[in-house]
Amino acid sequence: MGAITRKEVSKQFKQRRYTLQAAALQEVLSFVNRNGIDDPEEALELLLDLLDQEPLKSSILDKETVNRVISEMLDVDEVSPANSHLRFIDAFVVPKFRFDPTRKGIRYTVKAMISVDTVKPRQHGLWCTGALPIHGNAPTKAGLYRDRFELLAQKLARHPHFSKPAFETEASNFGCYSSNSEPKLANREKVDNGCNIPAGRWAFLSRRSHCLSGIPNHNLCFLDMYYKVTTGFFTENTIVVAEGEKLSGGIFKLYVNLGCKVKAIACVKSSSSECDSIGAVQVNTCGFPPIENREESLAFISGLDFFGCGTFTSEETRKLADMERKAVNDMFVVLSDIWLDDEETMVKLKEVLEGYEAVEVVPSLFIFIGSFCSSPCNLSFHSFASLRSQFGKLGKMIAEYPRLLEQSRFLFIPSIDDAGPSSVLPRCALPKYLTEELQKEIPNALFMSNPCRIKYYSQEIVIFRRDLLYRMRRSCLIPPSSAETSDPFAHLVATIVHQSHLCPLPLTIQPISWNHDHCLNLYPTPHTIILGDRSEQKAFKYGGVTCFNPGSFSSDHTFVAYRPCNHEVELSAI
């Protein structure tokens, strides 16, 4: 077989999301093309598989790292290629982008802690301003709401009902729909073929009077509480779309049918004061901004890495998708609320491990989601030494099953109630003090943040642990509609998918780090969302997204077996 070229090596490493320095590239070429290698392509694959198992701090590989891995390869007869298709992304290394309304493009505002090689300075109006601190300044809080709004506004501007047609035709019966937020629009009369409605800003909302306000200084007031809503939970800070018609005298009349005429976008925020109305609004129907197809979002962002795991060409994406469909034996086992201090929970967990140890093909990944203690690890918690030993016992339990230990990986994601600095999202990984003993027993255990992201071939998976359903229902300002579904979990999924955010709640209910709110964004829409919640075990597909809740393992002993090759969710219990 012929020698591998420099271009082929670079392509293979890029497909695995690695970037080689010049010296490292030369080292790889020397290794795969040496005389003792019968199959250079197989040797390159083995090298990449072993690199996947290394605890690398960066996707940029230097000569020393490559040399170390090659030395390990020469010392062993065979290298296991297991789990090379999995990538795990911590929330704090996700790059931050924001929409620039002036340039009408995406702006790269922060450099991630890992290399983002696809982003170049001054390309498509983006630039880097350095790494983000944990604590933001005062303008950052306002920027949090602005970025959420502009993220949805730029998607809405591309929707057919909001984009102005190039030529007026009879086919465009819905007319020209505008979400323009210029103040001059407030004094415009109704046009024959459509209307102009100002876009919304953070609204002031109370139980009797709902206010929508635009980015400029004008507001739209909801004067009637008895209007219809679409599927989802309408809470403070959620962004809504209302339909209406501009009439004379500055009055907006809004229609019942959300599928025709003009919409106005606005974001809801709590306050009963400061409601300077330009016109009265009789609201009949409100809904969320429409979902944008994932392919359309990817085409707009021009290959930028929103997920934090590198970008691929169309050819590489197709190849990864083919590999994903062929991996029919891969399975993820997801368990939430594993109380290590509860004897019954540990007995049930042991039964689960025994069952999967005996199957023909063991799961490729076990996802253990907190809470890992029956009582919250807050200021009144003083049993950290005991919790550390319980993690060690868990490691010894897993080590009793050699097939799982050798062929499976174990991912640990904390909840807000686990040991950590505060209840602010995103939550950092479990402290090393608690996990040291477990890590000794399970060297391939991974401890990631909450939320956490997984890249499985071409599939993007987001994992989030929070009792979100309970908080969303308590914070709901309008009773959810039962026209399409009465399932609360379906309303929850619809809300986070339409809002493109994992936790669209007020900061007073769920604090979020102002500088890291982008880590909770769902844009472009991922393929799968795992919501760890203490509510009933559920699975629901909405807008092309597979979403499921594994339930509380400690309470009802439920968990989920997920097959990513065909997005099959198997609700299980023991």
Protein backbone atom coordinates (compact mmCIF):
# COMPACT_ATOMS: atom_id res chain seq x y z
CA MET A 1 0.00 0.00 0.00
CA GLY A 2 1.27 3.46 -0.91
CA ALA A 3 2.46 6.10 1.52
CA ILE A 4 -0.04 8.51 3.09
CA THR A 5 0.33 12.13 2.06
CA ARG A 6 0.40 15.20 4.26
CA LYS A 7 -3.03 16.23 2.98
CA GLU A 8 -4.60 12.87 3.87
CA VAL A 9 -3.18 12.99 7.40
CA SER A 10 -4.50 16.52 7.96
CA LYS A 11 -7.94 15.51 6.69
CA GLN A 12 -8.13 12.49 9.00
CA PHE A 13 -7.13 14.54 12.04
CA LYS A 14 -9.58 17.29 11.16
CA GLN A 15 -12.37 14.72 10.92
CA ARG A 16 -11.55 13.74 14.50
CA ARG A 17 -11.54 17.47 15.46
CA TYR A 18 -7.77 17.74 15.94
CA THR A 19 -5.33 20.30 14.60
CA LEU A 20 -1.70 19.31 14.08
CA GLN A 21 1.21 21.66 14.50
CA ALA A 22 3.82 21.45 11.74
CA ALA A 23 6.29 19.43 13.82
CA ALA A 24 3.56 17.08 15.00
CA LEU A 25 2.35 16.54 11.43
CA GLN A 26 5.85 15.59 10.35
CA GLU A 27 6.09 13.16 13.28
CA VAL A 28 2.84 11.45 12.23
CA LEU A 29 3.98 11.16 8.62
CA SER A 30 7.27 9.60 9.71
CA PHE A 31 5.44 7.07 11.86
CA VAL A 32 2.73 5.88 9.44
CA ASN A 33 5.13 5.68 6.47
CA ARG A 34 7.93 3.84 8.26
CA ASN A 35 9.18 0.54 6.84
CA GLY A 36 7.74 -1.64 9.59
CA ILE A 37 4.16 -0.50 8.92
CA ASP A 38 2.29 -2.76 6.49
CA ASP A 39 -0.93 -0.73 6.41
CA PRO A 40 -0.36 3.03 6.91
CA GLU A 41 -4.09 3.80 6.96
CA GLU A 42 -4.73 1.28 9.72
CA ALA A 43 -1.78 2.65 11.71
CA LEU A 44 -3.20 6.17 11.38
CA GLU A 45 -6.61 4.98 12.59
CA LEU A 46 -5.02 3.30 15.61
CA LEU A 47 -3.09 6.46 16.41
CA LEU A 48 -6.27 8.53 16.30
CA ASP A 49 -8.15 6.01 18.46
CA LEU A 50 -5.47 6.18 21.11
CA LEU A 51 -5.45 9.98 21.00
CA ASP A 52 -9.20 9.90 21.68
CA GLN A 53 -8.52 8.13 24.97
CA GLU A 54 -5.89 10.62 26.09
CA PRO A 55 -6.89 13.38 28.60
CA LEU A 56 -6.00 16.19 26.21
CA LYS A 57 -6.43 19.80 27.31
CA SER A 58 -6.55 21.19 23.79
CA SER A 59 -7.51 20.04 20.32
CA ILE A 60 -4.20 21.44 19.02
CA LEU A 61 -1.63 18.65 19.09
CA ASP A 62 2.07 19.38 19.48
CA LYS A 63 5.06 17.15 18.79
CA GLU A 64 5.46 16.02 22.41
CA THR A 65 1.87 14.77 22.64
CA VAL A 66 2.12 12.83 19.38
CA ASN A 67 5.47 11.35 20.39
CA ARG A 68 4.06 10.13 23.69
CA VAL A 69 1.11 8.40 22.03
CA ILE A 70 3.29 6.82 19.34
CA SER A 71 5.59 5.45 22.03
CA GLU A 72 2.59 3.88 23.76
CA MET A 73 1.50 2.32 20.47
CA LEU A 74 4.89 0.76 19.91
CA ASP A 75 4.80 -0.76 23.41
CA VAL A 76 1.52 -2.62 22.89
CA ASP A 77 0.37 -5.15 20.31
CA GLU A 78 -3.16 -3.87 19.92
CA VAL A 79 -5.00 -0.67 20.63
CA SER A 80 -8.74 -0.75 21.34
CA PRO A 81 -10.67 1.67 19.13
CA ALA A 82 -13.67 1.76 21.49
CA ASN A 83 -15.62 5.03 21.94
CA SER A 84 -13.48 7.02 19.49
CA HIS A 85 -16.72 8.43 18.06
CA LEU A 86 -17.64 10.26 21.28
CA ARG A 87 -16.64 13.81 22.17
CA PHE A 88 -17.59 15.53 25.42
CA ILE A 89 -17.81 19.31 25.66
CA ASP A 90 -17.81 21.15 28.97
CA ALA A 91 -20.14 24.16 29.15
CA PHE A 92 -17.31 26.52 30.06
CA VAL A 93 -15.41 25.84 26.84
CA VAL A 94 -18.32 26.61 24.49
CA PRO A 95 -17.45 29.64 22.32
CA LYS A 96 -19.73 32.66 22.52
CA PHE A 97 -21.33 34.23 19.47
CA ARG A 98 -23.87 36.98 19.17
CA PHE A 99 -25.85 38.45 16.31
CA ASP A 100 -24.68 41.87 15.16
CA PRO A 101 -27.79 43.76 13.98
CA THR A 102 -25.63 46.38 12.26
CA ARG A 103 -23.70 43.94 10.10
CA LYS A 104 -26.60 41.47 9.91
CA GLY A 105 -24.27 38.64 10.82
CA ILE A 106 -22.92 36.55 13.67
CA ARG A 107 -20.27 38.13 15.85
CA TYR A 108 -17.68 36.01 17.65
CA THR A 109 -17.35 37.77 21.01
CA VAL A 110 -15.26 35.45 23.13
CA LYS A 111 -12.43 33.03 22.67
CA ALA A 112 -13.18 29.61 24.10
CA MET A 113 -10.80 27.78 26.39
CA ILE A 114 -10.25 25.29 23.56
CA SER A 115 -9.14 26.03 20.04
CA VAL A 116 -11.80 27.13 17.58
CA ASP A 117 -9.84 26.75 14.38
CA THR A 118 -12.72 27.40 12.02
CA VAL A 119 -13.21 30.97 13.24
CA LYS A 120 -10.92 33.53 11.65
CA PRO A 121 -10.59 37.18 12.75
CA ARG A 122 -12.63 39.67 10.78
CA GLN A 123 -14.50 36.95 8.94
CA HIS A 124 -18.25 37.55 8.51
CA GLY A 125 -18.02 40.46 10.95
CA LEU A 126 -16.67 38.51 13.93
CA TRP A 127 -13.80 39.19 16.23
CA CYS A 128 -12.41 37.94 19.54
CA THR A 129 -12.30 39.87 22.81
CA GLY A 130 -10.58 37.35 25.09
CA ALA A 131 -11.69 34.75 27.62
CA LEU A 132 -14.74 35.28 29.81
CA PRO A 133 -14.45 35.83 33.58
CA ILE A 134 -16.80 34.02 35.93
CA HIS A 135 -18.33 37.27 37.23
CA GLY A 136 -19.72 39.73 34.72
CA ASN A 137 -20.15 43.48 35.07
CA ALA A 138 -23.46 45.34 35.12
CA PRO A 139 -23.84 45.76 31.33
CA THR A 140 -23.41 42.01 30.94
CA LYS A 141 -26.78 41.38 32.59
CA ALA A 142 -28.57 43.60 30.09
CA GLY A 143 -26.55 41.96 27.33
CA LEU A 144 -27.85 38.57 28.44
CA TYR A 145 -31.43 39.54 27.59
CA ARG A 146 -30.40 41.40 24.46
CA ASP A 147 -28.47 38.42 23.11
CA ARG A 148 -31.41 36.07 23.73
CA PHE A 149 -33.72 38.46 21.92
CA GLU A 150 -31.43 39.07 18.95
CA LEU A 151 -30.74 35.36 18.55
CA LEU A 152 -34.45 34.71 17.99
CA ALA A 153 -35.02 37.95 16.09
CA GLN A 154 -32.44 37.07 13.44
CA LYS A 155 -34.12 33.68 12.95
CA LEU A 156 -37.53 35.30 12.75
CA ALA A 157 -36.30 37.77 10.14
CA ARG A 158 -35.56 34.85 7.80
CA HIS A 159 -38.99 33.27 8.24
CA PRO A 160 -41.22 33.56 5.15
CA HIS A 161 -43.94 35.41 7.09
CA PHE A 162 -41.48 38.09 8.16
CA SER A 163 -39.20 38.43 5.14
CA LYS A 164 -40.27 40.95 2.52
CA PRO A 165 -40.68 39.37 -0.94
CA ALA A 166 -38.42 40.71 -3.68
CA PHE A 167 -41.42 41.17 -5.99
CA GLU A 168 -45.06 41.74 -5.11
CA THR A 169 -47.05 38.77 -6.44
CA GLU A 170 -50.51 37.38 -5.92
CA ALA A 171 -48.93 34.31 -4.34
CA SER A 172 -47.79 36.36 -1.36
CA ASN A 173 -51.27 36.77 0.12
CA PHE A 174 -49.92 37.24 3.61
CA GLY A 175 -48.27 40.44 2.48
CA CYS A 176 -45.18 42.12 3.81
CA TYR A 177 -44.55 41.27 7.43
CA SER A 178 -42.05 43.32 9.31
CA SER A 179 -40.41 42.97 12.69
CA ASN A 180 -38.58 46.22 12.19
CA SER A 181 -38.22 48.17 15.42
CA GLU A 182 -37.80 51.70 14.11
CA PRO A 183 -39.90 54.26 16.05
CA LYS A 184 -41.30 55.72 12.85
CA LEU A 185 -43.27 52.52 12.32
CA ALA A 186 -45.52 53.39 15.24
CA ASN A 187 -47.22 56.15 13.24
CA ARG A 188 -47.71 54.22 10.03
CA GLU A 189 -51.17 53.44 8.70
CA LYS A 190 -52.31 50.01 7.64
CA VAL A 191 -51.09 49.08 4.15
CA ASP A 192 -53.20 47.21 1.66
CA ASN A 193 -51.14 44.05 1.53
CA GLY A 194 -49.82 43.87 5.07
CA CYS A 195 -48.61 45.80 8.07
CA ASN A 196 -45.48 46.95 9.84
CA ILE A 197 -45.26 46.07 13.53
CA PRO A 198 -42.44 47.16 15.82
CA ALA A 199 -40.30 44.46 17.37
CA GLY A 200 -40.42 43.81 21.09
CA ARG A 201 -38.02 44.51 23.89
CA TRP A 202 -38.15 43.36 27.51
CA ALA A 203 -41.75 43.75 28.48
CA PHE A 204 -43.32 44.72 31.76
CA LEU A 205 -45.74 42.10 32.87
CA SER A 206 -48.23 41.70 35.69
CA ARG A 207 -51.28 39.50 36.17
CA ARG A 208 -53.83 42.05 34.98
CA SER A 209 -51.89 44.03 32.44
CA HIS A 210 -49.34 42.52 30.09
CA CYS A 211 -47.00 44.82 28.27
CA LEU A 212 -44.86 44.17 25.20
CA SER A 213 -42.20 46.71 24.39
CA GLY A 214 -39.89 47.14 21.46
CA ILE A 215 -36.18 47.82 21.38
CA PRO A 216 -36.96 51.56 20.97
CA ASN A 217 -39.14 53.44 23.44
CA HIS A 218 -42.62 52.23 22.68
CA ASN A 219 -44.83 49.57 24.19
CA LEU A 220 -47.78 47.38 23.29
CA CYS A 221 -50.17 46.68 26.15
CA PHE A 222 -52.28 43.58 26.65
CA LEU A 223 -55.55 44.93 27.97
CA ASP A 224 -57.45 41.65 27.99
CA MET A 225 -56.43 38.56 29.97
CA TYR A 226 -58.72 36.23 28.02
CA TYR A 227 -56.73 35.49 24.91
CA LYS A 228 -55.65 32.21 23.36
CA VAL A 229 -52.12 30.85 23.47
CA THR A 230 -50.28 28.12 21.62
CA THR A 231 -48.41 25.15 23.07
CA GLY A 232 -45.80 26.00 25.70
CA PHE A 233 -45.27 27.68 29.06
CA PHE A 234 -45.51 31.47 28.89
CA THR A 235 -43.28 32.69 31.71
CA GLU A 236 -41.47 35.90 32.44
CA ASN A 237 -38.56 36.54 30.06
CA THR A 238 -39.93 34.29 27.35
CA ILE A 239 -40.07 35.76 23.86
CA VAL A 240 -43.48 35.67 22.23
CA VAL A 241 -44.99 36.41 18.84
CA ALA A 242 -48.38 38.14 18.62
CA GLU A 243 -50.38 38.74 15.47
CA GLY A 244 -51.89 42.09 14.65
CA GLU A 245 -52.86 44.82 12.26
CA LYS A 246 -51.85 48.49 12.41
CA LEU A 247 -54.91 50.70 12.47
CA SER A 248 -55.26 54.44 12.56
CA GLY A 249 -54.84 56.20 15.87
CA GLY A 250 -51.92 54.02 16.93
CA ILE A 251 -54.11 51.03 17.76
CA PHE A 252 -53.02 47.49 17.02
CA LYS A 253 -55.75 44.92 16.56
CA LEU A 254 -54.49 41.36 16.99
CA TYR A 255 -56.07 38.32 15.35
CA VAL A 256 -56.92 34.88 16.61
CA ASN A 257 -55.36 32.86 13.79
CA LEU A 258 -51.59 32.85 14.20
CA GLY A 259 -51.03 31.45 10.72
CA CYS A 260 -51.94 34.56 8.74
CA LYS A 261 -51.41 38.31 8.70
CA VAL A 262 -48.64 40.08 10.56
CA LYS A 263 -46.86 39.12 13.77
CA ALA A 264 -45.04 41.31 16.26
CA ILE A 265 -42.24 39.91 18.36
CA ALA A 266 -41.76 40.82 21.99
CA CYS A 267 -40.13 39.53 25.15
CA VAL A 268 -42.06 39.28 28.40
CA LYS A 269 -40.61 40.56 31.67
CA SER A 270 -42.14 41.12 35.06
CA SER A 271 -43.16 44.57 36.27
CA SER A 272 -46.45 46.34 36.60
CA SER A 273 -45.14 49.87 36.31
CA GLU A 274 -43.72 51.94 33.51
CA CYS A 275 -46.18 50.95 30.81
CA ASP A 276 -45.99 53.86 28.37
CA SER A 277 -48.39 52.67 25.69
CA ILE A 278 -48.35 53.99 22.20
CA GLY A 279 -51.46 52.07 21.28
CA ALA A 280 -53.95 49.70 22.83
CA VAL A 281 -53.75 46.03 21.93
CA GLN A 282 -56.60 43.54 22.09
CA VAL A 283 -54.71 40.25 22.19
CA ASN A 284 -56.47 37.10 21.08
CA THR A 285 -53.55 34.76 20.41
CA CYS A 286 -49.90 34.59 21.41
CA GLY A 287 -47.29 32.06 20.40
CA PHE A 288 -43.56 31.45 20.41
CA PRO A 289 -41.23 32.34 17.52
CA PRO A 290 -41.26 29.60 14.87
CA ILE A 291 -38.62 26.89 14.87
CA GLU A 292 -35.91 27.23 12.26
CA ASN A 293 -34.79 24.11 10.46
CA ARG A 294 -31.36 22.97 11.63
CA GLU A 295 -29.98 22.91 8.08
CA GLU A 296 -31.12 26.50 7.52
CA SER A 297 -29.38 27.63 10.71
CA LEU A 298 -26.16 25.86 9.72
CA ALA A 299 -26.27 27.49 6.29
CA PHE A 300 -26.63 30.95 7.87
CA ILE A 301 -23.80 30.60 10.40
CA SER A 302 -21.41 29.63 7.59
CA GLY A 303 -19.65 26.78 9.35
CA LEU A 304 -19.08 28.55 12.68
CA ASP A 305 -18.71 26.24 15.66
CA PHE A 306 -21.60 27.00 18.02
CA PHE A 307 -21.48 23.55 19.62
CA GLY A 308 -17.83 23.78 20.64
CA CYS A 309 -16.53 20.65 18.92
CA GLY A 310 -15.20 21.73 15.55
CA THR A 311 -16.79 22.04 12.13
CA PHE A 312 -16.87 19.78 9.09
CA THR A 313 -17.34 20.02 5.38
CA SER A 314 -20.48 18.63 3.76
CA GLU A 315 -18.59 15.56 2.61
CA GLU A 316 -17.23 14.90 6.09
CA THR A 317 -20.66 15.35 7.63
CA ARG A 318 -22.18 12.82 5.23
CA LYS A 319 -19.43 10.34 6.01
CA LEU A 320 -19.97 10.74 9.75
CA ALA A 321 -23.74 10.34 9.30
CA ASP A 322 -23.17 7.07 7.42
CA MET A 323 -20.90 5.81 10.19
CA GLU A 324 -23.54 6.81 12.73
CA ARG A 325 -26.29 4.84 10.99
CA LYS A 326 -24.09 1.74 10.85
CA ALA A 327 -23.28 1.87 14.58
CA VAL A 328 -26.42 -0.07 15.53
CA ASN A 329 -24.85 -1.62 18.62
CA ASP A 330 -24.06 1.64 20.37
CA MET A 331 -26.33 2.45 23.30
CA PHE A 332 -26.36 5.06 26.05
CA VAL A 333 -27.80 4.23 29.46
CA VAL A 334 -29.03 7.37 31.25
CA LEU A 335 -29.80 7.46 34.98
CA SER A 336 -30.70 10.53 37.02
CA ASP A 337 -30.83 11.04 40.80
CA ILE A 338 -28.40 8.36 41.97
CA TRP A 339 -28.31 8.77 45.73
CA LEU A 340 -25.09 7.13 46.83
CA ASP A 341 -26.11 7.35 50.49
CA ASP A 342 -29.33 5.42 49.90
CA GLU A 343 -28.98 1.64 50.28
CA GLU A 344 -32.01 0.75 48.16
CA THR A 345 -30.76 2.93 45.30
CA MET A 346 -27.35 1.22 45.31
CA VAL A 347 -28.96 -2.23 45.29
CA LYS A 348 -31.07 -1.28 42.26
CA LEU A 349 -28.03 0.23 40.54
CA LYS A 350 -26.14 -3.00 41.07
CA GLU A 351 -28.97 -4.89 39.38
CA VAL A 352 -28.77 -2.57 36.39
CA LEU A 353 -25.01 -3.08 36.06
CA GLU A 354 -25.38 -6.84 36.40
CA GLY A 355 -28.01 -6.89 33.67
CA TYR A 356 -25.89 -4.97 31.18
CA GLU A 357 -22.78 -6.97 32.06
CA ALA A 358 -24.61 -10.09 30.86
CA VAL A 359 -25.83 -8.76 27.49
CA GLU A 360 -24.04 -9.62 24.26
CA VAL A 361 -22.99 -6.03 23.48
CA VAL A 362 -22.49 -3.79 26.49
CA PRO A 363 -23.55 -0.11 26.38
CA SER A 364 -20.90 2.23 25.05
CA LEU A 365 -21.75 4.96 27.59
CA PHE A 366 -23.33 5.21 31.03
CA ILE A 367 -24.54 8.71 31.90
CA PHE A 368 -24.91 9.24 35.65
CA ILE A 369 -26.75 12.50 36.42
CA GLY A 370 -27.07 13.99 39.91
CA SER A 371 -28.17 14.46 42.53
CA PHE A 372 -25.66 12.07 44.08
CA CYS A 373 -26.83 12.65 47.63
CA SER A 374 -30.30 12.45 49.18
CA SER A 375 -29.81 15.79 50.98
CA PRO A 376 -28.63 18.99 49.25
CA CYS A 377 -24.93 19.78 49.64
CA ASN A 378 -25.54 23.31 50.86
CA LEU A 379 -24.02 25.27 53.75
CA SER A 380 -25.65 22.99 56.30
CA PHE A 381 -24.12 19.85 54.74
CA HIS A 382 -21.08 18.55 56.64
CA SER A 383 -20.66 14.98 55.34
CA PHE A 384 -18.28 15.54 52.44
CA ALA A 385 -15.82 12.91 53.69
CA SER A 386 -18.64 10.37 53.77
CA LEU A 387 -19.76 11.37 50.27
CA ARG A 388 -16.18 10.94 49.04
CA SER A 389 -16.07 7.38 50.36
CA GLN A 390 -19.46 6.66 48.76
CA PHE A 391 -18.10 7.68 45.38
CA GLY A 392 -15.23 5.29 46.04
CA LYS A 393 -17.71 2.48 46.78
CA LEU A 394 -19.48 3.22 43.52
CA GLY A 395 -16.16 2.90 41.70
CA LYS A 396 -15.50 -0.47 43.31
CA MET A 397 -19.00 -1.64 42.40
CA ILE A 398 -18.46 -0.78 38.72
CA ALA A 399 -15.00 -2.39 38.78
CA GLU A 400 -16.67 -5.71 39.65
CA TYR A 401 -17.95 -5.92 36.07
CA PRO A 402 -14.90 -6.31 33.82
CA ARG A 403 -16.75 -6.02 30.50
CA LEU A 404 -18.34 -2.72 31.50
CA LEU A 405 -15.07 -1.43 32.92
CA GLU A 406 -13.19 -2.25 29.73
CA GLN A 407 -15.70 -1.44 26.99
CA SER A 408 -17.96 1.27 28.47
CA ARG A 409 -17.35 4.84 29.51
CA PHE A 410 -18.93 6.56 32.50
CA LEU A 411 -20.01 10.20 32.45
CA PHE A 412 -20.94 12.05 35.67
CA ILE A 413 -22.96 15.28 35.54
CA PRO A 414 -23.84 17.17 38.75
CA SER A 415 -27.12 18.77 39.70
CA ILE A 416 -27.61 22.09 41.46
CA ASP A 417 -27.96 20.22 44.77
CA ASP A 418 -24.57 18.52 44.47
CA ALA A 419 -21.32 19.84 45.91
CA GLY A 420 -20.34 23.03 44.16
CA PRO A 421 -19.85 26.78 44.52
CA SER A 422 -23.50 27.92 44.26
CA SER A 423 -26.85 27.29 42.62
CA VAL A 424 -25.91 29.33 39.55
CA LEU A 425 -26.01 27.80 36.07
CA PRO A 426 -23.98 26.55 34.31
CA ARG A 427 -22.65 24.29 37.06
CA CYS A 428 -19.02 23.17 37.07
CA ALA A 429 -18.02 19.51 37.35
CA LEU A 430 -17.92 17.65 40.65
CA PRO A 431 -14.94 18.62 42.86
CA LYS A 432 -11.87 16.44 42.47
CA TYR A 433 -11.82 15.80 46.21
CA LEU A 434 -15.05 13.80 45.91
CA THR A 435 -14.12 11.84 42.79
CA GLU A 436 -10.47 10.87 43.38
CA GLU A 437 -11.22 7.43 44.82
CA LEU A 438 -13.73 6.65 42.05
CA GLN A 439 -11.24 7.77 39.39
CA LYS A 440 -8.68 5.27 40.70
CA GLU A 441 -11.14 2.43 40.13
CA ILE A 442 -12.50 3.73 36.82
CA PRO A 443 -9.72 5.50 34.87
CA ASN A 444 -12.03 6.29 31.93
CA ALA A 445 -14.64 8.08 34.08
CA LEU A 446 -15.46 11.61 32.95
CA PHE A 447 -16.75 14.46 35.10
CA MET A 448 -18.37 17.26 33.15
CA SER A 449 -20.40 20.40 33.78
CA ASN A 450 -24.17 20.90 33.89
CA PRO A 451 -25.24 21.35 31.13
CA CYS A 452 -22.95 19.10 29.12
CA ARG A 453 -22.71 18.45 25.40
CA ILE A 454 -21.86 15.25 23.53
CA LYS A 455 -20.89 14.91 19.91
CA TYR A 456 -21.66 11.41 18.60
CA TYR A 457 -20.38 11.22 15.03
CA SER A 458 -22.59 13.90 13.41
CA GLN A 459 -25.22 13.93 16.16
CA GLU A 460 -25.35 16.70 18.77
CA ILE A 461 -26.68 15.79 22.22
CA VAL A 462 -27.30 18.22 25.10
CA ILE A 463 -27.71 17.02 28.70
CA PHE A 464 -29.25 19.27 31.34
CA ARG A 465 -30.14 18.51 34.96
CA ARG A 466 -32.67 20.74 36.67
CA ASP A 467 -36.20 20.24 37.97
CA LEU A 468 -37.36 22.45 35.14
CA LEU A 469 -40.93 21.23 34.71
CA TYR A 470 -41.90 22.12 38.30
CA ARG A 471 -40.39 25.60 38.07
CA MET A 472 -41.82 26.37 34.65
CA ARG A 473 -45.33 25.42 35.76
CA ARG A 474 -45.07 27.53 38.91
CA SER A 475 -43.77 30.51 36.91
CA CYS A 476 -46.40 30.23 34.18
CA LEU A 477 -48.28 33.55 33.78
CA ILE A 478 -50.94 32.17 31.45
CA PRO A 479 -52.55 28.71 31.76
CA PRO A 480 -51.01 26.47 29.07
CA SER A 481 -53.20 25.60 26.11
CA SER A 482 -54.69 22.12 25.87
CA ALA A 483 -55.72 22.46 22.23
CA GLU A 484 -52.78 20.44 20.88
CA THR A 485 -51.65 18.57 23.99
CA SER A 486 -52.30 18.48 27.72
CA ASP A 487 -48.97 16.78 28.51
CA PRO A 488 -46.87 19.15 30.67
CA PHE A 489 -43.63 17.60 29.38
CA ALA A 490 -44.68 18.35 25.80
CA HIS A 491 -45.28 21.98 26.79
CA LEU A 492 -41.83 22.09 28.40
CA VAL A 493 -40.09 20.70 25.31
CA ALA A 494 -41.95 23.11 23.04
CA THR A 495 -40.90 26.04 25.24
CA ILE A 496 -37.17 25.35 25.30
CA VAL A 497 -37.03 24.42 21.60
CA HIS A 498 -38.89 27.55 20.48
CA GLN A 499 -36.93 29.77 22.87
CA SER A 500 -33.61 28.14 21.83
CA HIS A 501 -32.63 28.13 25.50
CA LEU A 502 -32.51 25.43 28.16
CA CYS A 503 -33.79 27.60 30.99
CA PRO A 504 -35.91 30.61 29.90
CA LEU A 505 -36.79 31.53 33.48
CA PRO A 506 -36.26 34.83 35.32
CA LEU A 507 -32.90 35.16 37.03
CA THR A 508 -34.73 35.58 40.33
CA ILE A 509 -36.01 32.00 40.00
CA GLN A 510 -32.94 30.41 38.42
CA PRO A 511 -29.71 32.43 38.63
CA ILE A 512 -27.48 32.17 35.55
CA SER A 513 -23.93 33.42 35.17
CA TRP A 514 -24.32 36.51 33.02
CA ASN A 515 -21.14 35.79 31.08
CA HIS A 516 -22.08 32.16 30.40
CA ASP A 517 -25.74 32.35 29.47
CA HIS A 518 -24.75 31.34 25.92
CA CYS A 519 -23.79 27.90 27.27
CA LEU A 520 -27.52 27.19 27.68
CA ASN A 521 -28.43 28.18 24.12
CA LEU A 522 -29.94 25.58 21.80
CA TYR A 523 -28.83 27.07 18.50
CA PRO A 524 -28.60 25.49 16.02
CA THR A 525 -31.21 23.10 17.38
CA PRO A 526 -29.47 19.90 18.58
CA HIS A 527 -30.62 16.45 17.57
CA THR A 528 -31.27 15.20 21.12
CA ILE A 529 -31.95 16.87 24.48
CA ILE A 530 -31.76 14.92 27.74
CA LEU A 531 -33.62 16.69 30.56
CA GLY A 532 -32.87 15.21 33.97
CA ASP A 533 -35.95 15.94 36.04
CA ARG A 534 -37.64 14.42 39.11
CA SER A 535 -40.96 14.38 37.30
CA GLU A 536 -42.47 11.38 35.54
CA GLN A 537 -40.34 9.54 32.99
CA LYS A 538 -41.22 10.83 29.51
CA ALA A 539 -40.06 10.91 25.89
CA PHE A 540 -41.28 13.36 23.28
CA LYS A 541 -40.24 14.32 19.74
CA TYR A 542 -40.88 17.88 18.69
CA GLY A 543 -39.70 19.85 15.69
CA GLY A 544 -37.15 17.20 14.73
CA VAL A 545 -35.69 17.09 18.26
CA THR A 546 -35.72 13.94 20.38
CA CYS A 547 -36.19 14.91 24.01
CA PHE A 548 -36.58 12.63 27.02
CA ASN A 549 -36.52 12.62 30.80
CA PRO A 550 -35.04 9.44 32.36
CA GLY A 551 -37.02 9.99 35.57
CA SER A 552 -35.71 9.78 39.11
CA PHE A 553 -33.81 6.53 39.65
CA SER A 554 -33.80 6.93 43.42
CA SER A 555 -37.55 7.57 43.62
CA ASP A 556 -39.10 5.18 41.09
CA HIS A 557 -36.04 3.26 39.75
CA THR A 558 -36.57 4.42 36.17
CA PHE A 559 -33.91 5.03 33.54
CA VAL A 560 -33.57 5.26 29.77
CA ALA A 561 -31.68 3.21 27.19
CA TYR A 562 -31.03 5.44 24.17
CA ARG A 563 -29.83 4.21 20.77
CA PRO A 564 -28.35 7.21 18.96
CA CYS A 565 -28.15 5.52 15.55
CA ASN A 566 -31.94 5.78 15.09
CA HIS A 567 -32.88 8.10 18.01
CA GLU A 568 -34.76 5.28 19.71
CA VAL A 569 -35.69 5.96 23.35
CA GLU A 570 -36.44 2.92 25.50
CA LEU A 571 -38.13 3.86 28.77
CA SER A 572 -36.96 1.34 31.35
CA ALA A 573 -37.46 0.56 35.01
CA ILE A 574 -36.25 -2.02 37.51
